[in-house]
N, C-alpha and C. Protein backbone atom coordinates (compact mmCIF):
# COMPACT_ATOMS: atom_id res chain seq x y z
N UNK A 1 -13.94 19.60 -25.62
CA UNK A 1 -13.59 19.43 -25.09
C UNK A 1 -13.27 20.60 -23.47
N UNK A 2 -14.26 20.85 -22.50
CA UNK A 2 -13.43 22.02 -21.23
C UNK A 2 -12.35 21.87 -21.10
N UNK A 3 -11.73 22.79 -20.91
CA UNK A 3 -9.88 23.04 -19.89
C UNK A 3 -10.28 23.79 -18.56
N UNK A 4 -9.74 22.44 -18.00
CA UNK A 4 -9.71 22.59 -16.46
C UNK A 4 -8.29 22.65 -16.39
N UNK A 5 -7.25 24.28 -16.17
CA UNK A 5 -6.26 24.53 -15.56
C UNK A 5 -5.43 23.97 -16.20
N UNK A 6 -4.34 23.20 -16.13
CA UNK A 6 -3.53 22.82 -17.86
C UNK A 6 -4.51 21.47 -18.31
N UNK A 7 -5.26 20.67 -17.17
CA UNK A 7 -6.27 19.33 -18.24
C UNK A 7 -6.60 19.63 -18.56
N UNK A 8 -7.19 18.79 -19.96
CA UNK A 8 -8.57 18.88 -20.63
C UNK A 8 -9.30 17.95 -19.62
N UNK A 9 -10.86 18.58 -19.82
CA UNK A 9 -11.72 17.48 -19.73
C UNK A 9 -12.40 16.73 -20.81
N UNK A 10 -12.48 15.59 -20.26
CA UNK A 10 -12.86 14.81 -22.12
C UNK A 10 -14.93 15.24 -21.50
N UNK A 11 -15.87 15.59 -21.55
CA UNK A 11 -17.13 15.91 -21.86
C UNK A 11 -17.68 14.30 -21.33
N UNK A 12 -17.24 13.41 -22.31
CA UNK A 12 -17.77 12.19 -22.67
C UNK A 12 -17.82 10.93 -21.43
N UNK A 13 -15.86 10.91 -21.24
CA UNK A 13 -15.35 10.18 -20.53
C UNK A 13 -15.66 10.88 -18.92
N UNK A 14 -16.22 12.14 -18.61
CA UNK A 14 -16.46 12.60 -17.47
C UNK A 14 -15.48 13.06 -16.67
N UNK A 15 -14.25 13.38 -16.90
CA UNK A 15 -13.21 13.51 -16.25
C UNK A 15 -12.26 13.47 -17.35
N UNK A 16 -11.16 13.60 -16.28
CA UNK A 16 -9.61 13.39 -17.49
C UNK A 16 -8.91 12.36 -17.88
N UNK A 17 -9.50 12.48 -19.31
CA UNK A 17 -8.51 11.04 -19.91
C UNK A 17 -7.64 10.14 -19.62
N UNK A 18 -6.73 10.88 -19.32
CA UNK A 18 -5.44 10.38 -18.86
C UNK A 18 -5.40 9.61 -17.77
N UNK A 19 -5.99 10.64 -16.77
CA UNK A 19 -6.31 9.94 -15.29
C UNK A 19 -7.63 8.69 -15.22
N UNK A 20 -8.17 8.89 -15.69
CA UNK A 20 -9.51 7.87 -15.99
C UNK A 20 -8.26 6.44 -16.17
N UNK A 21 -8.26 7.08 -17.43
CA UNK A 21 -7.14 5.44 -17.70
C UNK A 21 -6.05 5.11 -17.45
N UNK A 22 -4.94 5.69 -16.17
CA UNK A 22 -4.50 5.23 -15.69
C UNK A 22 -4.94 4.10 -14.01
N UNK A 23 -6.51 4.98 -13.55
CA UNK A 23 -7.14 4.52 -13.03
C UNK A 23 -7.90 2.76 -13.59
N UNK A 24 -8.20 3.06 -14.14
CA UNK A 24 -9.20 1.43 -15.26
C UNK A 24 -7.89 1.04 -14.90
N UNK A 25 -6.76 1.29 -15.44
CA UNK A 25 -5.49 0.33 -15.42
C UNK A 25 -4.71 -0.27 -14.69
N UNK A 26 -4.96 0.69 -13.29
CA UNK A 26 -5.10 0.28 -11.72
C UNK A 26 -5.75 -0.67 -11.34
N UNK A 27 -6.97 -0.28 -11.58
CA UNK A 27 -7.83 -1.19 -11.08
C UNK A 27 -7.88 -2.61 -11.87
N UNK A 28 -8.25 -2.65 -13.13
CA UNK A 28 -7.74 -4.04 -13.96
C UNK A 28 -6.75 -4.73 -13.02
N UNK A 29 -5.41 -3.77 -13.10
CA UNK A 29 -4.15 -5.22 -12.51
C UNK A 29 -4.05 -5.32 -11.39
N UNK A 30 -4.68 -4.40 -10.79
CA UNK A 30 -5.39 -5.20 -9.63
C UNK A 30 -5.90 -6.27 -9.14
N UNK A 31 -7.34 -6.74 -10.11
CA UNK A 31 -8.35 -7.25 -9.64
C UNK A 31 -7.27 -8.95 -10.45
N UNK A 32 -5.94 -8.49 -11.35
CA UNK A 32 -5.54 -9.90 -12.27
C UNK A 32 -4.44 -9.69 -10.88
N UNK A 33 -3.70 -9.75 -10.28
CA UNK A 33 -3.04 -9.38 -9.20
C UNK A 33 -3.73 -10.19 -8.19
N UNK A 34 -5.18 -10.30 -7.84
CA UNK A 34 -5.88 -10.77 -6.91
C UNK A 34 -6.19 -11.51 -7.25
N UNK A 35 -6.38 -12.36 -8.65
CA UNK A 35 -7.06 -13.50 -8.88
C UNK A 35 -6.01 -14.22 -9.44
N UNK A 36 -5.08 -14.22 -9.22
CA UNK A 36 -3.66 -14.49 -10.65
C UNK A 36 -2.45 -14.75 -9.59
N UNK A 37 -2.39 -14.14 -8.19
CA UNK A 37 -1.47 -13.24 -7.91
C UNK A 37 -0.17 -12.75 -8.67
N UNK A 38 0.98 -11.58 -8.12
CA UNK A 38 1.58 -10.68 -8.95
C UNK A 38 2.28 -11.34 -9.90
N UNK A 39 2.94 -12.84 -9.63
CA UNK A 39 3.65 -13.08 -10.48
C UNK A 39 3.23 -13.71 -11.43
N UNK A 40 2.10 -13.18 -11.27
CA UNK A 40 1.81 -14.73 -12.62
C UNK A 40 1.20 -13.91 -13.52
N UNK A 41 0.80 -12.83 -13.44
CA UNK A 41 0.07 -11.31 -14.11
C UNK A 41 1.40 -10.59 -14.54
N UNK A 42 1.21 -10.61 -16.64
CA UNK A 42 2.27 -9.68 -17.06
C UNK A 42 1.57 -8.51 -17.43
N UNK A 43 2.27 -7.60 -18.40
CA UNK A 43 2.10 -6.33 -19.35
C UNK A 43 0.67 -6.66 -20.24
N UNK A 44 1.39 -7.98 -20.96
CA UNK A 44 0.31 -8.23 -21.79
C UNK A 44 -1.16 -8.64 -21.42
N UNK A 45 -1.32 -9.59 -20.47
CA UNK A 45 -2.85 -9.42 -19.38
C UNK A 45 -3.27 -8.32 -19.57
N UNK A 46 -2.64 -7.73 -18.77
CA UNK A 46 -3.21 -6.51 -18.51
C UNK A 46 -3.63 -5.60 -19.35
N UNK A 47 -3.09 -5.20 -20.36
CA UNK A 47 -3.72 -4.78 -21.79
C UNK A 47 -4.58 -5.64 -22.74
N UNK A 48 -4.42 -6.99 -22.41
CA UNK A 48 -6.08 -7.40 -22.78
C UNK A 48 -7.17 -7.38 -22.29
N UNK A 49 -6.68 -7.27 -20.94
CA UNK A 49 -7.95 -7.19 -20.46
C UNK A 49 -8.78 -5.43 -19.83
N UNK A 50 -7.55 -4.97 -20.37
CA UNK A 50 -7.80 -3.22 -19.87
C UNK A 50 -8.38 -2.94 -21.49
N UNK A 51 -8.23 -3.85 -22.40
CA UNK A 51 -8.44 -3.49 -24.01
C UNK A 51 -7.67 -2.27 -24.38
N UNK A 52 -6.62 -1.79 -23.81
CA UNK A 52 -5.45 -1.15 -25.11
C UNK A 52 -4.21 -2.17 -25.41
N UNK A 53 -3.78 -0.93 -26.16
CA UNK A 53 -2.22 -2.23 -26.32
C UNK A 53 -1.11 -1.89 -25.45
N UNK A 54 -0.43 -2.20 -25.66
CA UNK A 54 1.03 -1.64 -24.78
C UNK A 54 1.42 -1.50 -24.51
N UNK A 55 1.36 -0.36 -26.37
CA UNK A 55 1.88 1.21 -26.12
C UNK A 55 0.93 1.68 -25.43
N UNK A 56 -0.03 1.35 -25.13
CA UNK A 56 -0.89 2.70 -24.48
C UNK A 56 -0.25 2.62 -22.63
N UNK A 57 -0.15 1.29 -22.07
CA UNK A 57 -0.31 0.84 -21.16
C UNK A 57 1.34 0.96 -21.01
N UNK A 58 2.39 1.18 -21.34
CA UNK A 58 3.68 2.01 -20.73
C UNK A 58 3.48 3.34 -21.23
N UNK A 59 2.76 3.90 -21.81
CA UNK A 59 2.55 5.19 -22.12
C UNK A 59 1.84 6.09 -19.94
N UNK A 60 1.14 4.50 -19.62
CA UNK A 60 1.07 5.42 -18.28
C UNK A 60 2.02 5.29 -17.19
N UNK A 61 2.41 3.63 -18.02
CA UNK A 61 2.87 3.08 -16.37
C UNK A 61 4.39 2.89 -17.01
N UNK A 62 5.01 2.91 -16.92
CA UNK A 62 6.87 2.73 -17.35
C UNK A 62 7.45 1.56 -17.75
N UNK A 63 6.98 0.46 -16.62
CA UNK A 63 6.90 -0.55 -16.44
C UNK A 63 6.38 -1.25 -14.89
N UNK A 64 6.13 -2.86 -15.04
CA UNK A 64 5.34 -3.46 -14.34
C UNK A 64 5.86 -3.32 -13.03
N UNK A 65 7.00 -2.81 -12.84
CA UNK A 65 7.01 -2.35 -11.51
C UNK A 65 6.20 -1.50 -11.31
N UNK A 66 5.81 -0.12 -11.89
CA UNK A 66 5.55 1.04 -11.46
C UNK A 66 4.10 0.53 -11.64
N UNK A 67 3.60 -0.29 -12.11
CA UNK A 67 2.10 -0.72 -12.06
C UNK A 67 1.72 -0.91 -10.70
N UNK A 68 2.48 -2.44 -9.82
CA UNK A 68 2.21 -3.16 -8.75
C UNK A 68 2.80 -1.98 -8.16
N UNK A 69 3.70 -1.08 -7.68
CA UNK A 69 3.96 0.36 -6.78
C UNK A 69 2.14 1.61 -6.96
N UNK A 70 1.91 0.99 -7.98
CA UNK A 70 0.54 2.25 -8.61
C UNK A 70 -0.56 1.03 -7.79
N UNK A 71 -0.92 0.23 -7.27
CA UNK A 71 -2.11 -0.22 -6.97
C UNK A 71 -1.26 -0.92 -5.67
N UNK A 72 -0.36 -0.52 -5.23
CA UNK A 72 -0.16 -1.19 -3.47
C UNK A 72 -0.71 0.86 -3.23
N UNK A 73 0.30 1.38 -3.85
CA UNK A 73 -0.08 2.48 -3.55
C UNK A 73 -1.56 3.07 -3.24
N UNK A 74 -2.47 2.99 -4.11
CA UNK A 74 -3.76 2.72 -3.66
C UNK A 74 -4.55 2.35 -2.31
N UNK A 75 -3.75 1.03 -2.33
CA UNK A 75 -4.10 0.08 -1.00
C UNK A 75 -3.27 0.96 0.31
N UNK A 76 -2.45 1.72 0.22
CA UNK A 76 -1.65 2.00 0.94
C UNK A 76 -2.56 3.47 1.59
N UNK A 77 -2.84 4.20 1.28
CA UNK A 77 -3.83 5.57 1.33
C UNK A 77 -4.71 4.99 2.21
N UNK A 78 -5.58 4.22 1.46
CA UNK A 78 -6.94 3.01 2.11
C UNK A 78 -6.33 3.26 3.86
N UNK A 79 -5.57 2.37 3.78
CA UNK A 79 -4.93 1.71 5.04
C UNK A 79 -4.18 2.86 6.39
N UNK A 80 -3.91 4.23 5.80
CA UNK A 80 -3.51 4.71 5.97
C UNK A 80 -4.57 6.09 6.93
N UNK A 81 -5.50 6.07 6.13
CA UNK A 81 -6.78 6.28 6.50
C UNK A 81 -7.43 5.93 7.47
N UNK A 82 -7.17 4.64 7.18
CA UNK A 82 -8.15 3.56 8.70
C UNK A 82 -7.07 3.74 9.88
N UNK A 83 -5.73 3.70 9.46
CA UNK A 83 -4.84 3.78 11.03
C UNK A 83 -5.15 4.71 11.64
N UNK A 84 -5.03 6.71 10.60
CA UNK A 84 -4.78 7.59 11.47
C UNK A 84 -6.40 7.87 12.10
N UNK A 85 -7.38 6.92 11.81
CA UNK A 85 -8.65 6.99 12.72
C UNK A 85 -9.00 6.13 13.52
N UNK A 86 -8.19 5.06 13.91
CA UNK A 86 -7.84 4.22 15.02
C UNK A 86 -7.05 5.06 15.98
N UNK A 87 -5.77 5.50 15.48
CA UNK A 87 -5.27 6.28 16.43
C UNK A 87 -5.25 7.24 17.08
N UNK A 88 -6.12 8.17 16.30
CA UNK A 88 -6.30 9.13 16.71
C UNK A 88 -6.04 9.91 18.48
N UNK A 89 -7.42 8.78 19.02
CA UNK A 89 -7.37 9.46 20.62
C UNK A 89 -6.00 8.78 21.19
N UNK A 90 -5.06 8.68 21.12
CA UNK A 90 -4.08 7.85 21.13
C UNK A 90 -2.60 8.74 21.53
N UNK A 91 -1.90 8.84 22.32
CA UNK A 91 -0.64 9.62 22.32
C UNK A 91 0.39 8.75 23.05
N UNK A 92 1.70 9.32 22.64
CA UNK A 92 3.03 8.73 23.78
C UNK A 92 2.94 7.42 23.39
N UNK A 93 3.95 6.09 24.09
CA UNK A 93 3.88 4.69 23.66
C UNK A 93 2.98 4.43 23.35
N UNK A 94 1.66 4.54 23.88
CA UNK A 94 0.16 4.02 23.40
C UNK A 94 -0.16 4.21 22.57
N UNK A 95 0.55 5.19 21.58
CA UNK A 95 0.05 5.12 20.26
C UNK A 95 0.92 4.75 19.82
N UNK A 96 1.90 4.01 19.57
CA UNK A 96 3.08 3.95 19.30
C UNK A 96 2.25 2.05 18.37
N UNK A 97 1.96 1.42 20.29
CA UNK A 97 1.50 0.51 20.34
C UNK A 97 0.02 0.05 19.37
N UNK A 98 -0.78 0.98 19.60
CA UNK A 98 -1.92 0.88 18.28
C UNK A 98 -1.79 1.10 17.27
N UNK A 99 -0.86 1.94 16.72
CA UNK A 99 -0.15 2.34 14.91
C UNK A 99 -0.42 0.97 14.95
N UNK A 100 0.87 0.31 15.28
CA UNK A 100 2.16 -0.49 14.56
C UNK A 100 0.77 -1.81 14.45
N UNK A 101 -0.40 -2.34 15.40
CA UNK A 101 -1.44 -3.52 15.89
C UNK A 101 -2.63 -2.93 15.00
N UNK A 102 -2.84 -1.61 14.91
CA UNK A 102 -3.98 -1.09 13.64
C UNK A 102 -3.36 -1.02 12.23
N UNK A 103 -2.25 -0.71 12.14
CA UNK A 103 -1.75 -0.81 10.59
C UNK A 103 -1.39 -3.09 10.55
N UNK A 104 -1.36 -3.35 11.39
CA UNK A 104 -0.88 -4.92 11.31
C UNK A 104 -2.04 -5.57 10.16
N UNK A 105 -3.86 -5.25 11.68
CA UNK A 105 -4.64 -5.42 11.23
C UNK A 105 -5.11 -4.76 9.88
N UNK A 106 -4.79 -4.01 9.71
CA UNK A 106 -5.02 -2.73 8.19
C UNK A 106 -4.65 -3.42 6.78
N UNK A 107 -3.04 -3.55 7.26
CA UNK A 107 -2.89 -4.53 5.90
C UNK A 107 -4.01 -6.10 5.90
N UNK A 108 -3.98 -6.75 7.01
CA UNK A 108 -4.30 -7.91 6.86
C UNK A 108 -5.91 -7.99 6.13
N UNK A 109 -6.21 -6.87 6.43
CA UNK A 109 -7.93 -6.93 5.87
C UNK A 109 -7.88 -6.81 4.82
N UNK A 110 -6.22 -5.52 3.89
CA UNK A 110 -6.92 -5.47 2.01
C UNK A 110 -6.28 -6.18 1.75
N UNK A 111 -6.86 -6.97 0.56
CA UNK A 111 -6.97 -7.91 0.06
C UNK A 111 -5.85 -7.68 -1.25
N UNK A 112 -5.48 -6.45 -1.90
CA UNK A 112 -3.94 -7.23 -3.05
C UNK A 112 -2.67 -6.61 -1.57
N UNK A 113 -2.54 -5.93 0.00
CA UNK A 113 -1.78 -6.07 0.26
C UNK A 113 -1.15 -7.23 0.97
N UNK A 114 -2.13 -7.85 1.71
CA UNK A 114 -2.59 -9.02 1.88
C UNK A 114 -2.03 -10.75 1.21
N UNK A 115 -2.48 -10.14 -0.26
CA UNK A 115 -2.24 -10.88 -1.35
C UNK A 115 -0.72 -11.00 -1.79
N UNK A 116 0.27 -9.11 -1.24
CA UNK A 116 1.76 -8.88 -1.20
C UNK A 116 2.24 -10.16 -0.43
N UNK A 117 1.85 -9.85 0.68
CA UNK A 117 2.75 -10.67 1.92
C UNK A 117 2.77 -11.79 1.95
N UNK A 118 1.91 -12.57 1.91
CA UNK A 118 1.04 -14.19 1.66
C UNK A 118 1.69 -14.58 0.29
N UNK A 119 1.98 -13.89 -0.53
CA UNK A 119 3.03 -14.60 -1.54
C UNK A 119 4.57 -14.20 -0.95
N UNK A 120 4.62 -13.36 -0.12
CA UNK A 120 6.61 -13.36 -0.38
C UNK A 120 6.60 -14.32 2.05
N UNK A 121 5.66 -14.96 1.96
CA UNK A 121 5.94 -15.23 3.71
C UNK A 121 7.30 -15.97 3.99
N UNK A 122 7.68 -15.74 4.69
CA UNK A 122 9.18 -16.11 5.14
C UNK A 122 10.57 -15.63 4.06
N UNK A 123 9.69 -14.46 3.55
CA UNK A 123 11.09 -13.98 3.04
C UNK A 123 11.00 -12.34 3.57
N UNK A 124 11.45 -10.88 2.91
CA UNK A 124 11.86 -9.94 3.67
C UNK A 124 11.39 -9.52 2.89
N UNK A 125 11.65 -8.04 2.50
CA UNK A 125 11.09 -7.33 0.84
C UNK A 125 11.74 -5.36 1.31
N UNK A 126 12.97 -5.90 1.61
CA UNK A 126 13.81 -4.74 1.90
C UNK A 126 13.08 -2.89 1.20
N UNK A 127 12.34 -3.44 -0.32
CA UNK A 127 11.96 -2.39 -0.77
C UNK A 127 11.02 -1.70 0.17
N UNK A 128 9.94 -2.25 1.34
CA UNK A 128 8.98 -2.15 1.94
C UNK A 128 9.63 -1.41 3.10
N UNK A 129 11.27 -2.13 3.62
CA UNK A 129 11.64 -2.08 4.93
C UNK A 129 12.46 -0.62 4.51
N UNK A 130 13.59 -0.12 3.37
CA UNK A 130 13.31 1.18 3.99
C UNK A 130 12.90 2.35 2.85
N UNK A 131 12.02 1.22 2.43
CA UNK A 131 10.83 3.18 2.02
C UNK A 131 10.81 4.17 3.19
N UNK A 132 11.63 5.26 2.54
CA UNK A 132 11.35 6.82 3.22
C UNK A 132 9.92 7.17 3.41
N UNK A 133 9.23 6.57 2.50
CA UNK A 133 7.45 6.97 3.02
C UNK A 133 6.86 6.22 3.15
N UNK A 134 7.24 5.08 3.80
CA UNK A 134 6.43 4.20 5.01
C UNK A 134 7.01 4.69 6.26
N UNK A 135 7.96 4.95 6.24
CA UNK A 135 9.25 5.66 7.41
C UNK A 135 7.90 7.28 7.94
N UNK A 136 8.14 8.55 6.80
CA UNK A 136 7.44 8.78 6.97
C UNK A 136 5.94 9.09 7.53
N UNK A 137 5.22 7.73 6.78
CA UNK A 137 3.69 7.80 7.56
C UNK A 137 3.93 6.94 8.77
N UNK A 138 4.62 5.99 8.74
CA UNK A 138 4.73 6.10 10.58
C UNK A 138 5.16 7.05 11.20
N UNK A 139 6.04 7.50 11.18
CA UNK A 139 6.03 8.97 12.03
C UNK A 139 4.68 9.52 12.15
N UNK A 140 4.28 10.04 11.06
CA UNK A 140 3.25 10.30 11.07
C UNK A 140 1.84 9.60 12.07
N UNK A 141 1.55 8.51 12.11
CA UNK A 141 0.53 7.60 11.95
C UNK A 141 0.86 7.43 13.95
N UNK A 142 2.32 7.67 13.73
CA UNK A 142 2.85 6.66 15.75
C UNK A 142 2.76 8.49 16.86
N UNK A 143 3.23 9.33 15.85
CA UNK A 143 3.53 10.80 16.04
C UNK A 143 4.76 10.57 16.82
N UNK A 144 5.45 9.99 16.55
CA UNK A 144 6.50 10.70 17.03
C UNK A 144 7.06 12.18 15.91
N UNK A 145 8.34 11.97 16.91
CA UNK A 145 9.26 13.50 16.08
C UNK A 145 10.16 12.28 15.51
N UNK A 146 10.02 13.70 14.32
CA UNK A 146 11.15 13.06 13.19
C UNK A 146 12.35 12.24 13.40
N UNK A 147 12.43 11.16 13.06
CA UNK A 147 13.92 10.43 13.56
C UNK A 147 13.70 9.00 12.80
N UNK A 148 14.76 9.05 11.53
CA UNK A 148 14.99 7.94 10.44
C UNK A 148 14.76 6.58 11.33
N UNK A 149 15.52 6.78 12.48
CA UNK A 149 15.72 5.47 12.40
C UNK A 149 14.83 4.52 13.26
N UNK A 150 14.20 5.25 14.35
CA UNK A 150 12.94 5.45 14.66
C UNK A 150 12.02 4.58 13.90
N UNK A 151 11.61 5.58 12.74
CA UNK A 151 10.86 5.22 11.75
C UNK A 151 10.74 3.86 11.16
N UNK A 152 11.92 3.41 11.13
CA UNK A 152 12.37 2.24 10.17
C UNK A 152 11.77 1.01 11.15
N UNK A 153 12.54 1.62 12.33
CA UNK A 153 12.65 -0.34 12.76
C UNK A 153 10.46 0.08 13.16
N UNK A 154 9.51 1.07 13.67
CA UNK A 154 8.70 0.97 13.55
C UNK A 154 8.00 -0.19 11.92
N UNK A 155 8.73 0.33 11.27
CA UNK A 155 8.43 0.00 9.70
C UNK A 155 8.98 -2.01 9.40
N UNK A 156 9.32 -1.96 10.23
CA UNK A 156 9.98 -3.27 9.86
C UNK A 156 9.74 -4.03 11.16
N UNK A 157 8.84 -3.95 12.28
CA UNK A 157 8.15 -3.95 13.27
C UNK A 157 6.80 -5.03 12.69
N UNK A 158 6.02 -3.33 11.81
CA UNK A 158 4.63 -4.02 11.33
C UNK A 158 4.89 -5.38 10.22
N UNK A 159 6.32 -4.87 9.05
CA UNK A 159 6.72 -5.89 8.19
C UNK A 159 6.78 -7.03 8.68
N UNK A 160 7.55 -7.73 10.06
CA UNK A 160 7.51 -8.88 10.40
C UNK A 160 6.63 -9.46 10.93
N UNK A 161 5.30 -8.91 11.88
CA UNK A 161 4.62 -9.44 12.16
C UNK A 161 3.57 -9.57 10.75
N UNK A 162 3.70 -9.09 9.44
CA UNK A 162 2.66 -9.25 8.53
C UNK A 162 3.82 -10.65 7.39
N UNK A 163 4.89 -10.48 7.95
CA UNK A 163 5.29 -11.58 7.13
C UNK A 163 5.84 -13.13 8.20
N UNK A 164 5.87 -12.70 9.25
CA UNK A 164 6.34 -13.80 10.56
C UNK A 164 5.07 -14.12 11.77
N UNK A 165 3.56 -14.08 11.12
CA UNK A 165 2.76 -13.79 12.08
C UNK A 165 2.82 -14.78 13.61
N UNK A 166 2.54 -13.80 15.01
CA UNK A 166 2.70 -14.37 15.79
C UNK A 166 1.06 -15.24 15.66
N UNK A 167 1.26 -16.28 16.92
CA UNK A 167 0.02 -17.70 16.50
C UNK A 167 -1.47 -16.56 16.62
N UNK A 168 -1.77 -15.12 17.45
CA UNK A 168 -3.02 -14.36 17.63
C UNK A 168 -2.23 -13.28 18.01
N UNK A 169 -3.94 -12.47 17.67
CA UNK A 169 -3.65 -11.06 17.88
C UNK A 169 -2.59 -11.10 18.93
N UNK A 170 -3.01 -11.36 20.83
CA UNK A 170 -2.84 -11.19 21.92
C UNK A 170 -1.56 -11.36 22.24
N UNK A 171 -1.37 -12.21 21.35
CA UNK A 171 0.45 -12.28 21.12
C UNK A 171 1.57 -11.37 20.85
N UNK A 172 1.01 -10.71 19.81
CA UNK A 172 1.15 -9.93 18.91
C UNK A 172 1.16 -8.32 20.28
N UNK A 173 0.16 -8.48 20.29
CA UNK A 173 -0.44 -6.98 21.74
C UNK A 173 0.57 -7.21 22.41
N UNK A 174 0.95 -8.33 22.56
CA UNK A 174 2.24 -8.43 24.42
C UNK A 174 2.89 -8.01 23.88
N UNK A 175 3.64 -8.61 22.90
CA UNK A 175 5.10 -8.10 21.81
C UNK A 175 5.61 -6.67 21.75
N UNK A 176 4.26 -6.25 21.42
CA UNK A 176 4.44 -5.02 20.51
C UNK A 176 4.32 -4.29 21.83
N UNK A 177 3.53 -4.58 23.05
CA UNK A 177 3.79 -3.41 24.11
C UNK A 177 5.47 -3.44 24.81
N UNK A 178 5.39 -4.90 25.52
CA UNK A 178 6.80 -5.20 26.02
C UNK A 178 7.71 -4.48 25.15
N UNK A 179 7.84 -4.13 24.34
CA UNK A 179 9.15 -3.55 23.39
C UNK A 179 9.08 -2.09 23.07
N UNK A 180 7.71 -1.73 23.03
CA UNK A 180 7.68 -0.71 22.95
C UNK A 180 8.22 0.47 24.32
N UNK A 181 6.86 0.17 25.11
CA UNK A 181 7.54 0.69 26.36
C UNK A 181 9.31 -0.26 27.20
């Protein structure tokens, strides 16, 4: 094995074995969650599909919640990149409107995130609503000055549209534009 910084690169696996294992577990968990639903997949199911023991699975992820977080984080990175590209040319209140609407569209088109919110339709998810990381992302994407309350408002507007969608995109746009301006 070649040594790369503090991590050992496995010549046969083609990368850092620990990272490769975690990535494989996240990919398999994501497939299972999409096929069966988040509430229907247990750690035993994931370990079996990954071809590893429960001990190995727990070595990488201390629990089911951590594994769900990893699946969500992977999707969130892709969504954030898409939204950032979509709002790059806007400023001010127009950027806030476009960032909110692009976020809703991007989450709805991401299979894992769309499934998560579909399974929770009609409910709320305080974990997302109070997430400081989502607040930081909202601040960055909308271009607002750092303001925890404003960031949380933006996150809650996006979550509301995901959990309780309006009849069509035009209705959602009108509502967001009205209250942002």
